[in-house]
Amino acid sequence: MKLEQKLIDKIEEITLTDYDIIDCEVTIDKCLSIIEDLIIEYENLLDEYNDYKEYIRDNFEFKDMR
């Protein structure tokens, strides 16, 4: 499969991985690796977001003082 260099650069920036893609040609195996890596990054960000949301809820929401 052929990808635009801009997309390849963005993927490598997000995953912090050099996939050694030559002439913008991506093999099926590399596509699977890219997808798996992007899912891992997504899950990590989701965990970080949920932790932060919980932190905000625990520390900054109005608490009834009655």
C-alpha atoms as a PDB file:
ATOM      1  CA  MET A   1       0.000   0.000   0.000  1.00  0.00           C
ATOM      2  CA  LYS A   2       1.229   3.499  -0.741  1.00  0.00           C
ATOM      3  CA  LEU A   3       0.934   6.255   1.885  1.00  0.00           C
ATOM      4  CA  GLU A   4       1.727   9.931   1.704  1.00  0.00           C
ATOM      5  CA  GLN A   5       5.014  10.901   3.325  1.00  0.00           C
ATOM      6  CA  LYS A   6       3.189  13.423   5.508  1.00  0.00           C
ATOM      7  CA  LEU A   7       1.049  10.630   6.977  1.00  0.00           C
ATOM      8  CA  ILE A   8       4.074   8.383   7.494  1.00  0.00           C
ATOM      9  CA  ASP A   9       5.875  11.205   9.308  1.00  0.00           C
ATOM     10  CA  LYS A  10       2.865  11.805  11.565  1.00  0.00           C
ATOM     11  CA  ILE A  11       2.530   8.100  12.395  1.00  0.00           C
ATOM     12  CA  GLU A  12       6.230   7.861  13.226  1.00  0.00           C
ATOM     13  CA  GLU A  13       5.955  10.987  15.383  1.00  0.00           C
ATOM     14  CA  ILE A  14       2.994   9.591  17.331  1.00  0.00           C
ATOM     15  CA  THR A  15       4.462   6.127  17.845  1.00  0.00           C
ATOM     16  CA  LEU A  16       8.083   7.265  18.197  1.00  0.00           C
ATOM     17  CA  THR A  17       8.994   4.470  15.793  1.00  0.00           C
ATOM     18  CA  ASP A  18      10.890   4.397  12.520  1.00  0.00           C
ATOM     19  CA  TYR A  19       9.153   1.833  10.322  1.00  0.00           C
ATOM     20  CA  ASP A  20      11.826   1.976   7.590  1.00  0.00           C
ATOM     21  CA  ILE A  21       9.250   2.707   4.919  1.00  0.00           C
ATOM     22  CA  ILE A  22      10.881   3.116   1.522  1.00  0.00           C
ATOM     23  CA  ASP A  23       9.262   5.143  -1.280  1.00  0.00           C
ATOM     24  CA  CYS A  24       6.061   5.439   0.770  1.00  0.00           C
ATOM     25  CA  GLU A  25       5.332   1.742   0.161  1.00  0.00           C
ATOM     26  CA  VAL A  26       3.972  -0.039   3.234  1.00  0.00           C
ATOM     27  CA  THR A  27       3.692  -3.811   3.452  1.00  0.00           C
ATOM     28  CA  ILE A  28       0.770  -5.552   5.128  1.00  0.00           C
ATOM     29  CA  ASP A  29       3.019  -6.612   8.018  1.00  0.00           C
ATOM     30  CA  LYS A  30       4.105  -3.024   8.601  1.00  0.00           C
ATOM     31  CA  CYS A  31       0.490  -1.867   8.382  1.00  0.00           C
ATOM     32  CA  LEU A  32      -0.432  -4.301  11.129  1.00  0.00           C
ATOM     33  CA  SER A  33       2.473  -3.107  13.266  1.00  0.00           C
ATOM     34  CA  ILE A  34       1.486   0.520  12.705  1.00  0.00           C
ATOM     35  CA  ILE A  35      -2.134  -0.190  13.655  1.00  0.00           C
ATOM     36  CA  GLU A  36      -1.093  -2.061  16.796  1.00  0.00           C
ATOM     37  CA  ASP A  37       1.276   0.749  17.806  1.00  0.00           C
ATOM     38  CA  LEU A  38      -1.380   3.399  17.213  1.00  0.00           C
ATOM     39  CA  ILE A  39      -3.872   1.431  19.326  1.00  0.00           C
ATOM     40  CA  ILE A  40      -1.326   1.226  22.142  1.00  0.00           C
ATOM     41  CA  GLU A  41      -0.759   4.992  21.957  1.00  0.00           C
ATOM     42  CA  TYR A  42      -4.516   5.596  21.955  1.00  0.00           C
ATOM     43  CA  GLU A  43      -5.022   3.381  25.008  1.00  0.00           C
ATOM     44  CA  ASN A  44      -2.160   5.101  26.842  1.00  0.00           C
ATOM     45  CA  LEU A  45      -3.650   8.512  26.137  1.00  0.00           C
ATOM     46  CA  LEU A  46      -7.093   7.345  27.165  1.00  0.00           C
ATOM     47  CA  ASP A  47      -5.705   6.057  30.476  1.00  0.00           C
ATOM     48  CA  GLU A  48      -3.888   9.335  31.033  1.00  0.00           C
ATOM     49  CA  TYR A  49      -7.048  11.305  30.247  1.00  0.00           C
ATOM     50  CA  ASN A  50      -9.159   9.201  32.608  1.00  0.00           C
ATOM     51  CA  ASP A  51      -6.581   9.562  35.384  1.00  0.00           C
ATOM     52  CA  TYR A  52      -6.565  13.314  34.912  1.00  0.00           C
ATOM     53  CA  LYS A  53     -10.356  13.472  34.864  1.00  0.00           C
ATOM     54  CA  GLU A  54     -10.476  11.553  38.132  1.00  0.00           C
ATOM     55  CA  TYR A  55      -7.823  13.822  39.641  1.00  0.00           C
ATOM     56  CA  ILE A  56      -9.887  16.894  38.710  1.00  0.00           C
ATOM     57  CA  ARG A  57     -13.056  15.348  40.068  1.00  0.00           C
ATOM     58  CA  ASP A  58     -11.357  14.400  43.348  1.00  0.00           C
ATOM     59  CA  ASN A  59      -9.575  17.688  43.897  1.00  0.00           C
ATOM     60  CA  PHE A  60     -11.548  20.478  42.305  1.00  0.00           C
ATOM     61  CA  GLU A  61     -15.245  19.690  42.257  1.00  0.00           C
ATOM     62  CA  PHE A  62     -17.530  21.523  44.623  1.00  0.00           C
ATOM     63  CA  LYS A  63     -18.015  19.623  47.844  1.00  0.00           C
ATOM     64  CA  ASP A  64     -20.967  20.294  50.082  1.00  0.00           C
ATOM     65  CA  MET A  65     -19.677  21.330  53.498  1.00  0.00           C
ATOM     66  CA  ARG A  66     -22.843  20.521  55.484  1.00  0.00           C
END
